[in-house]
């Protein structure tokens, strides 16, 4: 329940909304579920490796199901965004995020990301303790609200209309909707 698990909070919210449950699968070292959207299987994966080994789980999963990296959305916590904000980004750097570093090492960086803002502690020396700490109730509510905003544009993302999804989400972030 730490800030570093914001990506899992997103996956859990989507699973709840789609009425599916995660099951542990050893071959992927993670929990997996799926739902059908417009006749296509949509997979959700929560790696249960350490955060800095997330790429091992994701690589095993994508290789087994032959999923191109360009069809993946990685949801993760982002300290460089204000708490409760959400941004979608294509590729780019890892910003020091150990989970992203692992994915880069195992698969590359050409994938879509959902950056869930958890805020910054103020000083770089406090980052590790901060992301490994549970947010207070208000902070968690703000992140959950951002996750709900993203859930509202999920259909656009699943249809491959990333630009429309980004426009809606990023406009809502600016106006606090």
N, C-alpha and C. Protein backbone atom coordinates (compact mmCIF):
# COMPACT_ATOMS: atom_id res chain seq x y z
N UNK A 1 0.82 -1.21 0.00
CA UNK A 1 0.00 0.00 0.00
C UNK A 1 0.86 1.27 0.00
N UNK A 2 2.08 1.16 -0.53
CA UNK A 2 2.97 2.32 -0.57
C UNK A 2 2.78 3.08 -1.88
N UNK A 3 3.31 4.29 -1.93
CA UNK A 3 3.22 5.11 -3.14
C UNK A 3 3.81 4.38 -4.34
N UNK A 4 4.82 3.56 -4.10
CA UNK A 4 5.49 2.85 -5.20
C UNK A 4 4.55 1.84 -5.86
N UNK A 5 3.42 1.56 -5.25
CA UNK A 5 2.46 0.60 -5.81
C UNK A 5 1.29 1.27 -6.51
N UNK A 6 1.41 2.52 -6.87
CA UNK A 6 0.31 3.23 -7.54
C UNK A 6 -0.10 2.53 -8.83
N UNK A 7 0.84 1.93 -9.53
CA UNK A 7 0.50 1.17 -10.75
C UNK A 7 -0.41 0.00 -10.44
N UNK A 8 -0.17 -0.66 -9.33
CA UNK A 8 -1.04 -1.77 -8.90
C UNK A 8 -2.43 -1.24 -8.54
N UNK A 9 -2.50 -0.06 -7.93
CA UNK A 9 -3.80 0.51 -7.59
C UNK A 9 -4.62 0.70 -8.86
N UNK A 10 -3.94 1.15 -9.93
CA UNK A 10 -4.62 1.32 -11.21
C UNK A 10 -5.11 -0.03 -11.74
N UNK A 11 -4.23 -1.02 -11.76
CA UNK A 11 -4.60 -2.35 -12.28
C UNK A 11 -5.76 -2.94 -11.48
N UNK A 12 -5.71 -2.78 -10.17
CA UNK A 12 -6.80 -3.29 -9.31
C UNK A 12 -8.12 -2.58 -9.61
N UNK A 13 -8.06 -1.27 -9.84
CA UNK A 13 -9.28 -0.51 -10.14
C UNK A 13 -9.88 -0.97 -11.47
N UNK A 14 -9.05 -1.19 -12.46
CA UNK A 14 -9.55 -1.64 -13.77
C UNK A 14 -10.15 -3.04 -13.63
N UNK A 15 -9.48 -3.91 -12.90
CA UNK A 15 -10.00 -5.27 -12.70
C UNK A 15 -11.36 -5.22 -12.02
N UNK A 16 -11.51 -4.38 -11.00
CA UNK A 16 -12.80 -4.25 -10.32
C UNK A 16 -13.88 -3.77 -11.28
N UNK A 17 -13.56 -2.73 -12.05
CA UNK A 17 -14.54 -2.16 -12.98
C UNK A 17 -14.93 -3.16 -14.07
N UNK A 18 -14.04 -4.04 -14.44
CA UNK A 18 -14.31 -5.02 -15.49
C UNK A 18 -14.81 -6.35 -14.92
N UNK A 19 -14.87 -6.45 -13.59
CA UNK A 19 -15.42 -7.64 -12.95
C UNK A 19 -14.53 -8.87 -13.05
N UNK A 20 -13.21 -8.65 -13.05
CA UNK A 20 -12.28 -9.78 -13.13
C UNK A 20 -11.37 -9.78 -11.91
N UNK A 21 -10.77 -10.94 -11.65
CA UNK A 21 -9.89 -11.08 -10.49
C UNK A 21 -8.51 -11.58 -10.93
N UNK A 22 -7.51 -11.11 -10.23
CA UNK A 22 -6.14 -11.53 -10.50
C UNK A 22 -5.89 -12.91 -9.92
N UNK A 23 -5.04 -13.67 -10.61
CA UNK A 23 -4.58 -14.98 -10.14
C UNK A 23 -3.07 -15.02 -10.31
N UNK A 24 -2.39 -15.59 -9.33
CA UNK A 24 -0.94 -15.71 -9.41
C UNK A 24 -0.56 -16.74 -10.47
N UNK A 25 0.43 -16.39 -11.31
CA UNK A 25 0.96 -17.32 -12.30
C UNK A 25 2.48 -17.34 -12.17
N UNK A 26 2.98 -18.46 -11.71
CA UNK A 26 4.41 -18.61 -11.44
C UNK A 26 5.27 -18.29 -12.66
N UNK A 27 4.84 -18.73 -13.85
CA UNK A 27 5.67 -18.53 -15.04
C UNK A 27 5.95 -17.06 -15.32
N UNK A 28 5.06 -16.18 -14.83
CA UNK A 28 5.25 -14.74 -15.03
C UNK A 28 5.69 -14.02 -13.77
N UNK A 29 5.82 -14.76 -12.69
CA UNK A 29 6.20 -14.16 -11.40
C UNK A 29 5.30 -12.96 -11.10
N UNK A 30 3.99 -13.17 -11.29
CA UNK A 30 3.06 -12.09 -11.05
C UNK A 30 1.62 -12.55 -11.09
N UNK A 31 0.75 -11.60 -10.83
CA UNK A 31 -0.68 -11.84 -10.89
C UNK A 31 -1.20 -11.35 -12.23
N UNK A 32 -2.12 -12.16 -12.80
CA UNK A 32 -2.60 -11.89 -14.15
C UNK A 32 -4.12 -12.00 -14.17
N UNK A 33 -4.74 -11.19 -15.00
CA UNK A 33 -6.15 -11.33 -15.31
C UNK A 33 -6.37 -10.80 -16.71
N UNK A 34 -7.57 -11.02 -17.22
CA UNK A 34 -7.89 -10.52 -18.54
C UNK A 34 -9.37 -10.20 -18.62
N UNK A 35 -9.72 -9.37 -19.59
CA UNK A 35 -11.12 -9.11 -19.92
C UNK A 35 -11.20 -8.92 -21.42
N UNK A 36 -12.39 -8.95 -21.95
CA UNK A 36 -12.60 -8.80 -23.38
C UNK A 36 -13.09 -7.39 -23.66
N UNK A 37 -12.47 -6.75 -24.62
CA UNK A 37 -12.89 -5.42 -25.08
C UNK A 37 -12.98 -5.47 -26.59
N UNK A 38 -14.18 -5.24 -27.11
CA UNK A 38 -14.43 -5.25 -28.55
C UNK A 38 -13.82 -6.49 -29.20
N UNK A 39 -14.04 -7.65 -28.56
CA UNK A 39 -13.61 -8.92 -29.12
C UNK A 39 -12.14 -9.26 -28.92
N UNK A 40 -11.40 -8.41 -28.26
CA UNK A 40 -9.96 -8.63 -28.04
C UNK A 40 -9.69 -8.88 -26.56
N UNK A 41 -8.74 -9.78 -26.30
CA UNK A 41 -8.30 -10.01 -24.92
C UNK A 41 -7.41 -8.86 -24.48
N UNK A 42 -7.74 -8.32 -23.33
CA UNK A 42 -6.92 -7.28 -22.71
C UNK A 42 -6.37 -7.87 -21.42
N UNK A 43 -5.07 -7.89 -21.31
CA UNK A 43 -4.41 -8.50 -20.16
C UNK A 43 -3.98 -7.44 -19.16
N UNK A 44 -4.04 -7.79 -17.89
CA UNK A 44 -3.49 -6.98 -16.82
C UNK A 44 -2.47 -7.85 -16.08
N UNK A 45 -1.31 -7.30 -15.83
CA UNK A 45 -0.24 -8.01 -15.14
C UNK A 45 0.28 -7.15 -13.99
N UNK A 46 0.40 -7.77 -12.82
CA UNK A 46 1.03 -7.12 -11.67
C UNK A 46 2.26 -7.96 -11.31
N UNK A 47 3.46 -7.50 -11.71
CA UNK A 47 4.67 -8.25 -11.36
C UNK A 47 4.84 -8.32 -9.84
N UNK A 48 5.17 -9.51 -9.36
CA UNK A 48 5.39 -9.68 -7.92
C UNK A 48 6.87 -9.88 -7.60
N UNK A 49 7.71 -9.55 -8.56
CA UNK A 49 9.14 -9.48 -8.29
C UNK A 49 9.36 -8.21 -7.48
N UNK A 50 10.57 -7.97 -7.06
CA UNK A 50 10.87 -6.66 -6.48
C UNK A 50 10.68 -5.63 -7.59
N UNK A 51 10.37 -4.40 -7.20
CA UNK A 51 10.13 -3.34 -8.18
C UNK A 51 11.28 -3.25 -9.18
N UNK A 52 12.52 -3.35 -8.68
CA UNK A 52 13.66 -3.20 -9.58
C UNK A 52 13.91 -4.42 -10.45
N UNK A 53 12.99 -5.40 -10.43
CA UNK A 53 13.07 -6.56 -11.32
C UNK A 53 11.77 -6.74 -12.11
N UNK A 54 10.96 -5.70 -12.20
CA UNK A 54 9.68 -5.78 -12.90
C UNK A 54 9.83 -6.22 -14.35
N UNK A 55 10.92 -5.86 -14.97
CA UNK A 55 11.15 -6.22 -16.37
C UNK A 55 11.22 -7.71 -16.59
N UNK A 56 11.65 -8.47 -15.59
CA UNK A 56 11.72 -9.94 -15.72
C UNK A 56 10.32 -10.49 -15.93
N UNK A 57 9.39 -10.06 -15.11
CA UNK A 57 8.01 -10.52 -15.20
C UNK A 57 7.37 -10.08 -16.51
N UNK A 58 7.53 -8.82 -16.85
CA UNK A 58 6.91 -8.30 -18.07
C UNK A 58 7.50 -8.96 -19.32
N UNK A 59 8.80 -9.19 -19.34
CA UNK A 59 9.40 -9.86 -20.50
C UNK A 59 8.86 -11.27 -20.65
N UNK A 60 8.78 -12.04 -19.55
CA UNK A 60 8.24 -13.40 -19.62
C UNK A 60 6.81 -13.39 -20.16
N UNK A 61 6.03 -12.42 -19.70
CA UNK A 61 4.64 -12.31 -20.12
C UNK A 61 4.52 -11.95 -21.60
N UNK A 62 5.24 -10.93 -22.02
CA UNK A 62 5.13 -10.48 -23.41
C UNK A 62 5.68 -11.51 -24.38
N UNK A 63 6.73 -12.21 -24.00
CA UNK A 63 7.27 -13.26 -24.88
C UNK A 63 6.30 -14.43 -25.00
N UNK A 64 5.69 -14.83 -23.89
CA UNK A 64 4.77 -15.96 -23.90
C UNK A 64 3.55 -15.67 -24.78
N UNK A 65 2.97 -14.48 -24.61
CA UNK A 65 1.76 -14.12 -25.37
C UNK A 65 2.05 -13.38 -26.67
N UNK A 66 3.34 -13.18 -26.95
CA UNK A 66 3.77 -12.49 -28.18
C UNK A 66 3.10 -11.12 -28.32
N UNK A 67 3.19 -10.36 -27.26
CA UNK A 67 2.61 -9.02 -27.23
C UNK A 67 3.70 -8.01 -27.58
N UNK A 68 3.49 -7.24 -28.64
CA UNK A 68 4.48 -6.22 -29.00
C UNK A 68 4.57 -5.15 -27.92
N UNK A 69 5.75 -4.67 -27.69
CA UNK A 69 5.98 -3.64 -26.68
C UNK A 69 5.13 -2.40 -26.93
N UNK A 70 4.88 -2.11 -28.20
CA UNK A 70 4.10 -0.92 -28.56
C UNK A 70 2.62 -1.05 -28.16
N UNK A 71 2.19 -2.24 -27.74
CA UNK A 71 0.80 -2.44 -27.31
C UNK A 71 0.68 -2.53 -25.79
N UNK A 72 1.71 -2.08 -25.10
CA UNK A 72 1.72 -2.18 -23.64
C UNK A 72 1.56 -0.79 -23.02
N UNK A 73 0.79 -0.74 -21.95
CA UNK A 73 0.68 0.44 -21.11
C UNK A 73 1.24 0.06 -19.75
N UNK A 74 2.30 0.72 -19.33
CA UNK A 74 2.89 0.49 -18.01
C UNK A 74 2.43 1.61 -17.09
N UNK A 75 1.72 1.25 -16.04
CA UNK A 75 1.24 2.23 -15.05
C UNK A 75 2.24 2.25 -13.90
N UNK A 76 2.66 3.44 -13.50
CA UNK A 76 3.64 3.55 -12.42
C UNK A 76 3.50 4.85 -11.65
N UNK A 77 4.05 4.85 -10.45
CA UNK A 77 4.10 6.05 -9.63
C UNK A 77 5.09 7.03 -10.25
N UNK A 78 4.81 8.30 -10.08
CA UNK A 78 5.67 9.34 -10.65
C UNK A 78 5.85 10.47 -9.64
N UNK A 79 7.06 10.59 -9.09
CA UNK A 79 7.31 11.63 -8.09
C UNK A 79 7.46 13.01 -8.71
N UNK A 80 7.70 13.08 -10.01
CA UNK A 80 7.87 14.37 -10.66
C UNK A 80 6.54 15.00 -11.08
N UNK A 81 5.44 14.39 -10.68
CA UNK A 81 4.11 14.96 -10.92
C UNK A 81 3.44 15.20 -9.57
N UNK A 82 2.63 16.23 -9.47
CA UNK A 82 1.91 16.48 -8.21
C UNK A 82 1.02 15.29 -7.84
N UNK A 83 0.88 15.08 -6.57
CA UNK A 83 0.01 14.00 -6.09
C UNK A 83 -1.39 14.17 -6.69
N UNK A 84 -1.93 13.07 -7.20
CA UNK A 84 -3.28 13.09 -7.74
C UNK A 84 -3.37 13.48 -9.21
N UNK A 85 -2.24 13.70 -9.85
CA UNK A 85 -2.28 13.99 -11.29
C UNK A 85 -1.99 12.70 -12.05
N UNK A 86 -2.31 12.72 -13.32
CA UNK A 86 -2.06 11.56 -14.18
C UNK A 86 -1.73 12.06 -15.57
N UNK A 87 -0.70 11.47 -16.16
CA UNK A 87 -0.27 11.85 -17.50
C UNK A 87 0.05 10.58 -18.27
N UNK A 88 -0.21 10.64 -19.56
CA UNK A 88 0.16 9.55 -20.45
C UNK A 88 1.35 10.03 -21.27
N UNK A 89 2.30 9.13 -21.45
CA UNK A 89 3.53 9.50 -22.14
C UNK A 89 3.99 8.32 -22.99
N UNK A 90 4.52 8.62 -24.16
CA UNK A 90 5.11 7.60 -25.01
C UNK A 90 6.62 7.65 -24.84
N UNK A 91 7.22 6.50 -24.51
CA UNK A 91 8.68 6.33 -24.41
C UNK A 91 9.30 7.35 -23.46
N UNK A 92 10.54 7.73 -23.73
CA UNK A 92 11.24 8.68 -22.88
C UNK A 92 12.16 7.99 -21.89
N UNK A 93 12.68 8.76 -20.96
CA UNK A 93 13.62 8.26 -19.97
C UNK A 93 12.92 7.63 -18.77
N UNK A 94 13.74 7.04 -17.90
CA UNK A 94 13.18 6.36 -16.72
C UNK A 94 13.10 7.27 -15.50
N UNK A 95 13.76 8.42 -15.53
CA UNK A 95 13.68 9.37 -14.43
C UNK A 95 14.14 8.80 -13.09
N UNK A 96 14.97 7.76 -13.12
CA UNK A 96 15.46 7.16 -11.89
C UNK A 96 14.53 6.11 -11.30
N UNK A 97 13.39 5.85 -11.94
CA UNK A 97 12.43 4.86 -11.44
C UNK A 97 12.99 3.46 -11.68
N UNK A 98 13.20 2.72 -10.60
CA UNK A 98 13.84 1.40 -10.73
C UNK A 98 13.01 0.39 -11.50
N UNK A 99 11.70 0.45 -11.39
CA UNK A 99 10.85 -0.45 -12.16
C UNK A 99 10.99 -0.20 -13.65
N UNK A 100 11.01 1.08 -14.03
CA UNK A 100 11.19 1.42 -15.45
C UNK A 100 12.59 1.05 -15.92
N UNK A 101 13.60 1.24 -15.09
CA UNK A 101 14.96 0.85 -15.46
C UNK A 101 15.00 -0.63 -15.81
N UNK A 102 14.33 -1.45 -15.02
CA UNK A 102 14.31 -2.89 -15.26
C UNK A 102 13.59 -3.22 -16.57
N UNK A 103 12.47 -2.56 -16.81
CA UNK A 103 11.74 -2.80 -18.06
C UNK A 103 12.60 -2.37 -19.25
N UNK A 104 13.27 -1.24 -19.15
CA UNK A 104 14.16 -0.79 -20.21
C UNK A 104 15.24 -1.85 -20.48
N UNK A 105 15.82 -2.38 -19.41
CA UNK A 105 16.91 -3.35 -19.56
C UNK A 105 16.43 -4.64 -20.23
N UNK A 106 15.19 -5.04 -19.96
CA UNK A 106 14.69 -6.31 -20.49
C UNK A 106 13.92 -6.18 -21.80
N UNK A 107 13.32 -5.00 -22.04
CA UNK A 107 12.45 -4.88 -23.22
C UNK A 107 12.70 -3.63 -24.07
N UNK A 108 13.31 -2.63 -23.52
CA UNK A 108 13.46 -1.37 -24.23
C UNK A 108 12.52 -0.32 -23.63
N UNK A 109 12.46 0.83 -24.29
CA UNK A 109 11.70 1.95 -23.74
C UNK A 109 10.54 2.41 -24.60
N UNK A 110 10.28 1.72 -25.69
CA UNK A 110 9.24 2.14 -26.63
C UNK A 110 7.88 1.58 -26.25
N UNK A 111 7.30 2.14 -25.18
CA UNK A 111 5.98 1.72 -24.74
C UNK A 111 5.27 2.92 -24.13
N UNK A 112 3.97 2.77 -24.02
CA UNK A 112 3.11 3.81 -23.45
C UNK A 112 3.14 3.71 -21.93
N UNK A 113 3.14 4.87 -21.29
CA UNK A 113 3.17 4.89 -19.83
C UNK A 113 2.03 5.70 -19.26
N UNK A 114 1.52 5.22 -18.16
CA UNK A 114 0.58 5.98 -17.36
C UNK A 114 1.35 6.41 -16.12
N UNK A 115 1.61 7.70 -16.02
CA UNK A 115 2.37 8.25 -14.91
C UNK A 115 1.39 8.78 -13.87
N UNK A 116 1.34 8.12 -12.73
CA UNK A 116 0.43 8.51 -11.65
C UNK A 116 1.19 9.33 -10.62
N UNK A 117 0.87 10.60 -10.56
CA UNK A 117 1.58 11.52 -9.67
C UNK A 117 1.37 11.20 -8.20
N UNK A 118 2.47 11.04 -7.49
CA UNK A 118 2.42 10.81 -6.04
C UNK A 118 3.14 11.92 -5.28
N UNK A 119 3.58 12.95 -6.00
CA UNK A 119 4.26 14.07 -5.37
C UNK A 119 5.72 13.74 -5.05
N UNK A 120 6.42 14.76 -4.64
CA UNK A 120 7.85 14.64 -4.32
C UNK A 120 8.06 15.04 -2.86
N UNK A 121 8.95 14.35 -2.16
CA UNK A 121 9.16 14.67 -0.74
C UNK A 121 9.87 16.00 -0.51
N UNK A 122 10.45 16.58 -1.56
CA UNK A 122 11.12 17.87 -1.40
C UNK A 122 12.62 17.80 -1.57
N UNK A 123 13.23 16.71 -1.14
CA UNK A 123 14.68 16.55 -1.27
C UNK A 123 14.99 15.17 -1.82
N UNK A 124 15.95 15.10 -2.74
CA UNK A 124 16.26 13.82 -3.40
C UNK A 124 16.69 12.73 -2.42
N UNK A 125 17.28 13.10 -1.30
CA UNK A 125 17.71 12.10 -0.32
C UNK A 125 16.54 11.44 0.39
N UNK A 126 15.35 12.03 0.28
CA UNK A 126 14.17 11.49 0.96
C UNK A 126 13.28 10.64 0.04
N UNK A 127 13.65 10.52 -1.23
CA UNK A 127 12.78 9.87 -2.21
C UNK A 127 12.51 8.41 -1.87
N UNK A 128 13.53 7.63 -1.56
CA UNK A 128 13.33 6.20 -1.32
C UNK A 128 12.37 5.98 -0.16
N UNK A 129 12.62 6.64 0.95
CA UNK A 129 11.73 6.48 2.10
C UNK A 129 10.32 6.94 1.76
N UNK A 130 10.21 8.02 0.98
CA UNK A 130 8.91 8.59 0.63
C UNK A 130 8.08 7.62 -0.21
N UNK A 131 8.66 7.06 -1.29
CA UNK A 131 7.87 6.17 -2.16
C UNK A 131 7.55 4.84 -1.49
N UNK A 132 8.34 4.46 -0.49
CA UNK A 132 8.09 3.21 0.22
C UNK A 132 7.20 3.40 1.45
N UNK A 133 6.61 4.58 1.55
CA UNK A 133 5.73 4.91 2.67
C UNK A 133 4.29 5.00 2.18
N UNK A 134 3.38 4.59 3.03
CA UNK A 134 1.96 4.66 2.72
C UNK A 134 1.52 6.13 2.73
N UNK A 135 0.77 6.57 1.70
CA UNK A 135 0.28 7.94 1.72
C UNK A 135 -0.82 8.11 2.76
N UNK A 136 -1.03 9.34 3.20
CA UNK A 136 -2.14 9.55 4.13
C UNK A 136 -3.45 9.42 3.36
N UNK A 137 -4.56 9.41 4.07
CA UNK A 137 -5.87 9.17 3.47
C UNK A 137 -6.20 10.17 2.36
N UNK A 138 -5.91 11.43 2.59
CA UNK A 138 -6.19 12.46 1.59
C UNK A 138 -5.36 12.28 0.34
N UNK A 139 -4.08 11.97 0.52
CA UNK A 139 -3.21 11.76 -0.63
C UNK A 139 -3.67 10.55 -1.44
N UNK A 140 -4.02 9.48 -0.75
CA UNK A 140 -4.48 8.28 -1.45
C UNK A 140 -5.78 8.57 -2.21
N UNK A 141 -6.67 9.33 -1.61
CA UNK A 141 -7.92 9.69 -2.28
C UNK A 141 -7.63 10.46 -3.58
N UNK A 142 -6.67 11.36 -3.53
CA UNK A 142 -6.31 12.13 -4.74
C UNK A 142 -5.79 11.21 -5.84
N UNK A 143 -4.95 10.23 -5.49
CA UNK A 143 -4.45 9.29 -6.49
C UNK A 143 -5.60 8.43 -7.02
N UNK A 144 -6.47 7.98 -6.15
CA UNK A 144 -7.62 7.18 -6.58
C UNK A 144 -8.52 7.98 -7.52
N UNK A 145 -8.67 9.27 -7.27
CA UNK A 145 -9.46 10.13 -8.15
C UNK A 145 -8.81 10.22 -9.53
N UNK A 146 -7.48 10.33 -9.55
CA UNK A 146 -6.76 10.35 -10.83
C UNK A 146 -6.95 9.02 -11.57
N UNK A 147 -6.90 7.93 -10.84
CA UNK A 147 -7.11 6.62 -11.44
C UNK A 147 -8.51 6.53 -12.04
N UNK A 148 -9.50 7.07 -11.36
CA UNK A 148 -10.86 7.10 -11.90
C UNK A 148 -10.93 7.90 -13.19
N UNK A 149 -10.18 9.03 -13.25
CA UNK A 149 -10.15 9.82 -14.49
C UNK A 149 -9.56 9.00 -15.63
N UNK A 150 -8.51 8.25 -15.34
CA UNK A 150 -7.89 7.42 -16.38
C UNK A 150 -8.85 6.30 -16.79
N UNK A 151 -9.53 5.70 -15.83
CA UNK A 151 -10.50 4.65 -16.16
C UNK A 151 -11.55 5.18 -17.12
N UNK A 152 -11.86 6.47 -17.03
CA UNK A 152 -12.84 7.09 -17.91
C UNK A 152 -12.38 7.22 -19.34
N UNK A 153 -11.08 7.14 -19.59
CA UNK A 153 -10.56 7.23 -20.96
C UNK A 153 -9.97 5.90 -21.42
N UNK A 154 -10.16 4.86 -20.63
CA UNK A 154 -9.56 3.57 -20.97
C UNK A 154 -10.04 3.05 -22.32
N UNK A 155 -11.31 3.23 -22.64
CA UNK A 155 -11.81 2.75 -23.92
C UNK A 155 -11.05 3.39 -25.09
N UNK A 156 -10.76 4.69 -24.99
CA UNK A 156 -10.00 5.36 -26.04
C UNK A 156 -8.61 4.74 -26.17
N UNK A 157 -7.98 4.48 -25.04
CA UNK A 157 -6.66 3.86 -25.07
C UNK A 157 -6.73 2.47 -25.70
N UNK A 158 -7.73 1.69 -25.31
CA UNK A 158 -7.84 0.33 -25.83
C UNK A 158 -8.16 0.31 -27.33
N UNK A 159 -8.81 1.35 -27.82
CA UNK A 159 -9.09 1.46 -29.25
C UNK A 159 -7.87 1.94 -30.02
N UNK A 160 -6.83 2.34 -29.30
CA UNK A 160 -5.62 2.84 -29.94
C UNK A 160 -5.65 4.33 -30.22
N UNK A 161 -6.65 5.03 -29.70
CA UNK A 161 -6.75 6.47 -29.90
C UNK A 161 -6.06 7.20 -28.75
N UNK A 162 -4.77 7.05 -28.70
CA UNK A 162 -3.96 7.60 -27.62
C UNK A 162 -4.04 9.12 -27.57
N UNK A 163 -4.04 9.76 -28.76
CA UNK A 163 -4.09 11.22 -28.78
C UNK A 163 -5.37 11.75 -28.15
N UNK A 164 -6.50 11.14 -28.46
CA UNK A 164 -7.77 11.58 -27.86
C UNK A 164 -7.75 11.35 -26.36
N UNK A 165 -7.25 10.19 -25.94
CA UNK A 165 -7.18 9.88 -24.50
C UNK A 165 -6.29 10.89 -23.78
N UNK A 166 -5.14 11.19 -24.38
CA UNK A 166 -4.23 12.16 -23.76
C UNK A 166 -4.87 13.54 -23.68
N UNK A 167 -5.53 13.94 -24.73
CA UNK A 167 -6.16 15.27 -24.75
C UNK A 167 -7.20 15.38 -23.64
N UNK A 168 -8.03 14.37 -23.50
CA UNK A 168 -9.06 14.38 -22.46
C UNK A 168 -8.42 14.39 -21.07
N UNK A 169 -7.50 13.45 -20.84
CA UNK A 169 -6.88 13.34 -19.52
C UNK A 169 -6.08 14.57 -19.16
N UNK A 170 -5.26 15.03 -20.06
CA UNK A 170 -4.38 16.16 -19.74
C UNK A 170 -5.16 17.45 -19.58
N UNK A 171 -6.27 17.62 -20.32
CA UNK A 171 -7.13 18.78 -20.14
C UNK A 171 -7.81 18.72 -18.77
N UNK A 172 -8.27 17.54 -18.39
CA UNK A 172 -8.90 17.39 -17.07
C UNK A 172 -7.90 17.68 -15.96
N UNK A 173 -6.64 17.26 -16.14
CA UNK A 173 -5.63 17.55 -15.13
C UNK A 173 -5.44 19.04 -14.95
N UNK A 174 -5.44 19.78 -16.07
CA UNK A 174 -5.22 21.22 -16.00
C UNK A 174 -6.38 21.94 -15.32
N UNK A 175 -7.57 21.46 -15.55
CA UNK A 175 -8.75 22.15 -15.03
C UNK A 175 -9.29 21.52 -13.75
N UNK A 176 -8.64 20.47 -13.25
CA UNK A 176 -9.05 19.86 -12.01
C UNK A 176 -10.38 19.14 -12.08
N UNK A 177 -10.75 18.69 -13.27
CA UNK A 177 -12.02 17.99 -13.46
C UNK A 177 -11.90 16.54 -13.09
